[in-house]
């Protein structure tokens, strides 16, 4: 069973960029579709982005297209989320997740069996 640990969160200013990382262990990382989700205070967790096992296909929520980039390094068992031009509404706990489904356009939480503990991103205006 794969374990996931996110890192890279913190307190940043609006307009800054940030790269989140998710380290996987305990499984064959390259066979999993990976996703990022976020949960803002008082809101439900929402899908942000996903990437196919080979890294060639990506899928984004409409709200983040053009500012967020998901990528992965299978040799290092890492998946990344680059966030550009951070906005205050981007304040949330960001989670990575792994799915054994061969599809990459997975926006439902139910599609992912493995989750990290999350990393807090706080954006000040």
C-alpha atoms as a PDB file:
ATOM      1  CA  UNK A   1       0.000   0.000   0.000  1.00  0.00           C
ATOM      2  CA  UNK A   2       1.388   3.373  -0.988  1.00  0.00           C
ATOM      3  CA  UNK A   3       1.987   6.075   1.617  1.00  0.00           C
ATOM      4  CA  UNK A   4       1.947   9.739   0.636  1.00  0.00           C
ATOM      5  CA  UNK A   5       3.578  12.713   2.345  1.00  0.00           C
ATOM      6  CA  UNK A   6       3.071  16.265   1.139  1.00  0.00           C
ATOM      7  CA  UNK A   7       5.466  19.142   1.721  1.00  0.00           C
ATOM      8  CA  UNK A   8       6.176  22.645   0.514  1.00  0.00           C
ATOM      9  CA  UNK A   9       3.277  24.543   1.997  1.00  0.00           C
ATOM     10  CA  UNK A  10       3.601  27.707   4.019  1.00  0.00           C
ATOM     11  CA  UNK A  11       2.658  31.350   4.360  1.00  0.00           C
ATOM     12  CA  UNK A  12       3.055  33.286   1.126  1.00  0.00           C
ATOM     13  CA  UNK A  13       1.901  36.578  -0.318  1.00  0.00           C
ATOM     14  CA  UNK A  14      -0.616  37.016  -3.081  1.00  0.00           C
ATOM     15  CA  UNK A  15       1.132  36.862  -6.430  1.00  0.00           C
ATOM     16  CA  UNK A  16       3.869  34.519  -5.225  1.00  0.00           C
ATOM     17  CA  UNK A  17       4.569  31.086  -6.628  1.00  0.00           C
ATOM     18  CA  UNK A  18       4.852  27.873  -4.667  1.00  0.00           C
ATOM     19  CA  UNK A  19       5.736  24.298  -5.500  1.00  0.00           C
ATOM     20  CA  UNK A  20       4.184  21.531  -3.466  1.00  0.00           C
ATOM     21  CA  UNK A  21       5.699  18.062  -3.417  1.00  0.00           C
ATOM     22  CA  UNK A  22       4.249  14.690  -2.603  1.00  0.00           C
ATOM     23  CA  UNK A  23       6.564  11.794  -1.820  1.00  0.00           C
ATOM     24  CA  UNK A  24       5.290   8.257  -2.285  1.00  0.00           C
ATOM     25  CA  UNK A  25       6.581   5.095  -0.655  1.00  0.00           C
ATOM     26  CA  UNK A  26       5.513   1.527  -0.111  1.00  0.00           C
ATOM     27  CA  UNK A  27       4.142   0.840  -3.551  1.00  0.00           C
ATOM     28  CA  UNK A  28       4.871   0.923  -7.254  1.00  0.00           C
ATOM     29  CA  UNK A  29       4.463   4.650  -7.766  1.00  0.00           C
ATOM     30  CA  UNK A  30       4.552   4.557 -11.542  1.00  0.00           C
ATOM     31  CA  UNK A  31       1.304   2.582 -11.837  1.00  0.00           C
ATOM     32  CA  UNK A  32      -0.802   5.162 -10.035  1.00  0.00           C
ATOM     33  CA  UNK A  33      -2.713   8.101 -11.377  1.00  0.00           C
ATOM     34  CA  UNK A  34      -1.924  10.949  -8.993  1.00  0.00           C
ATOM     35  CA  UNK A  35      -4.134  13.823  -8.019  1.00  0.00           C
ATOM     36  CA  UNK A  36      -4.103  17.010  -5.979  1.00  0.00           C
ATOM     37  CA  UNK A  37      -7.075  18.267  -4.009  1.00  0.00           C
ATOM     38  CA  UNK A  38      -7.548  21.182  -1.632  1.00  0.00           C
ATOM     39  CA  UNK A  39      -9.848  22.073   1.205  1.00  0.00           C
ATOM     40  CA  UNK A  40     -10.390  25.696   2.137  1.00  0.00           C
ATOM     41  CA  UNK A  41     -11.659  26.682   5.594  1.00  0.00           C
ATOM     42  CA  UNK A  42     -15.340  25.904   5.918  1.00  0.00           C
ATOM     43  CA  UNK A  43     -15.551  24.297   2.487  1.00  0.00           C
ATOM     44  CA  UNK A  44     -15.572  20.809   1.080  1.00  0.00           C
ATOM     45  CA  UNK A  45     -12.477  19.291  -0.394  1.00  0.00           C
ATOM     46  CA  UNK A  46     -12.243  19.944  -4.124  1.00  0.00           C
ATOM     47  CA  UNK A  47     -10.321  18.547  -7.040  1.00  0.00           C
ATOM     48  CA  UNK A  48      -7.381  20.568  -8.358  1.00  0.00           C
ATOM     49  CA  UNK A  49      -5.417  18.466 -10.860  1.00  0.00           C
ATOM     50  CA  UNK A  50      -4.483  14.921 -11.849  1.00  0.00           C
ATOM     51  CA  UNK A  51      -1.769  13.287 -13.909  1.00  0.00           C
ATOM     52  CA  UNK A  52      -1.495   9.957 -15.669  1.00  0.00           C
ATOM     53  CA  UNK A  53       0.908   7.290 -14.527  1.00  0.00           C
ATOM     54  CA  UNK A  54       3.387   8.133 -17.269  1.00  0.00           C
ATOM     55  CA  UNK A  55       3.069  11.867 -16.773  1.00  0.00           C
ATOM     56  CA  UNK A  56       1.989  12.547 -20.347  1.00  0.00           C
ATOM     57  CA  UNK A  57      -1.635  13.453 -19.625  1.00  0.00           C
ATOM     58  CA  UNK A  58      -2.931  16.015 -17.171  1.00  0.00           C
ATOM     59  CA  UNK A  59      -6.344  17.244 -16.113  1.00  0.00           C
ATOM     60  CA  UNK A  60      -7.205  20.447 -14.251  1.00  0.00           C
ATOM     61  CA  UNK A  61     -10.137  22.016 -12.536  1.00  0.00           C
ATOM     62  CA  UNK A  62     -11.384  24.984 -14.538  1.00  0.00           C
ATOM     63  CA  UNK A  63     -10.654  27.310 -11.629  1.00  0.00           C
ATOM     64  CA  UNK A  64      -6.902  26.626 -11.738  1.00  0.00           C
ATOM     65  CA  UNK A  65      -6.181  26.194 -15.435  1.00  0.00           C
ATOM     66  CA  UNK A  66      -3.314  28.356 -16.553  1.00  0.00           C
ATOM     67  CA  UNK A  67      -1.915  28.914 -13.045  1.00  0.00           C
ATOM     68  CA  UNK A  68      -1.382  25.389 -11.682  1.00  0.00           C
ATOM     69  CA  UNK A  69       0.896  22.751 -13.178  1.00  0.00           C
ATOM     70  CA  UNK A  70       0.999  19.144 -12.057  1.00  0.00           C
ATOM     71  CA  UNK A  71       4.013  16.987 -12.870  1.00  0.00           C
ATOM     72  CA  UNK A  72       5.686  13.847 -11.635  1.00  0.00           C
ATOM     73  CA  UNK A  73       9.083  12.197 -11.459  1.00  0.00           C
ATOM     74  CA  UNK A  74       8.609   8.433 -11.357  1.00  0.00           C
ATOM     75  CA  UNK A  75      12.311   7.815 -10.803  1.00  0.00           C
ATOM     76  CA  UNK A  76      12.064   9.758  -7.528  1.00  0.00           C
ATOM     77  CA  UNK A  77       8.510   8.755  -6.605  1.00  0.00           C
ATOM     78  CA  UNK A  78       7.460  12.387  -6.485  1.00  0.00           C
ATOM     79  CA  UNK A  79       4.519  14.365  -7.771  1.00  0.00           C
ATOM     80  CA  UNK A  80       4.517  18.152  -7.808  1.00  0.00           C
ATOM     81  CA  UNK A  81       2.024  20.958  -7.941  1.00  0.00           C
ATOM     82  CA  UNK A  82       3.385  24.286  -9.109  1.00  0.00           C
ATOM     83  CA  UNK A  83       1.109  27.171  -8.222  1.00  0.00           C
ATOM     84  CA  UNK A  84       1.710  30.528  -9.874  1.00  0.00           C
ATOM     85  CA  UNK A  85       0.154  33.871  -9.003  1.00  0.00           C
ATOM     86  CA  UNK A  86      -1.255  32.692  -5.713  1.00  0.00           C
ATOM     87  CA  UNK A  87      -4.508  34.285  -4.608  1.00  0.00           C
ATOM     88  CA  UNK A  88      -5.958  34.638  -1.094  1.00  0.00           C
ATOM     89  CA  UNK A  89      -8.752  32.245  -2.045  1.00  0.00           C
ATOM     90  CA  UNK A  90      -6.049  29.662  -2.589  1.00  0.00           C
ATOM     91  CA  UNK A  91      -5.635  29.365   1.174  1.00  0.00           C
ATOM     92  CA  UNK A  92      -6.321  25.725   1.904  1.00  0.00           C
ATOM     93  CA  UNK A  93      -4.903  22.408   2.947  1.00  0.00           C
ATOM     94  CA  UNK A  94      -3.569  20.725  -0.170  1.00  0.00           C
ATOM     95  CA  UNK A  95      -3.687  16.946  -0.413  1.00  0.00           C
ATOM     96  CA  UNK A  96      -2.169  14.508  -2.842  1.00  0.00           C
ATOM     97  CA  UNK A  97      -3.860  11.238  -3.620  1.00  0.00           C
ATOM     98  CA  UNK A  98      -3.167   8.058  -5.571  1.00  0.00           C
ATOM     99  CA  UNK A  99      -5.505   5.976  -7.688  1.00  0.00           C
ATOM    100  CA  UNK A 100      -4.936   2.600  -9.309  1.00  0.00           C
ATOM    101  CA  UNK A 101      -7.376   3.470 -12.079  1.00  0.00           C
ATOM    102  CA  UNK A 102      -5.815   3.657 -15.576  1.00  0.00           C
ATOM    103  CA  UNK A 103      -7.812   6.814 -16.297  1.00  0.00           C
ATOM    104  CA  UNK A 104      -6.165  10.166 -15.632  1.00  0.00           C
ATOM    105  CA  UNK A 105      -9.190  12.468 -15.628  1.00  0.00           C
ATOM    106  CA  UNK A 106     -10.199  11.561 -12.109  1.00  0.00           C
ATOM    107  CA  UNK A 107     -11.837  14.440 -10.261  1.00  0.00           C
ATOM    108  CA  UNK A 108     -13.868  12.471  -7.753  1.00  0.00           C
ATOM    109  CA  UNK A 109     -12.421  11.786  -4.320  1.00  0.00           C
ATOM    110  CA  UNK A 110     -13.948   8.339  -4.521  1.00  0.00           C
ATOM    111  CA  UNK A 111     -11.546   7.459  -7.333  1.00  0.00           C
ATOM    112  CA  UNK A 112      -8.560   7.708  -5.003  1.00  0.00           C
ATOM    113  CA  UNK A 113      -7.776   5.080  -2.389  1.00  0.00           C
ATOM    114  CA  UNK A 114      -4.634   6.595  -0.897  1.00  0.00           C
ATOM    115  CA  UNK A 115      -4.234  10.045   0.636  1.00  0.00           C
ATOM    116  CA  UNK A 116      -1.568  12.122   2.267  1.00  0.00           C
ATOM    117  CA  UNK A 117      -2.049  14.134   5.439  1.00  0.00           C
ATOM    118  CA  UNK A 118      -2.042  17.457   3.608  1.00  0.00           C
ATOM    119  CA  UNK A 119       0.095  20.578   3.622  1.00  0.00           C
ATOM    120  CA  UNK A 120      -1.220  24.002   4.593  1.00  0.00           C
ATOM    121  CA  UNK A 121      -0.946  26.885   2.153  1.00  0.00           C
ATOM    122  CA  UNK A 122      -1.878  30.307   3.478  1.00  0.00           C
ATOM    123  CA  UNK A 123      -1.959  33.248   1.096  1.00  0.00           C
ATOM    124  CA  UNK A 124      -1.918  36.738   2.540  1.00  0.00           C
ATOM    125  CA  UNK A 125      -3.274  39.679   0.587  1.00  0.00           C
END
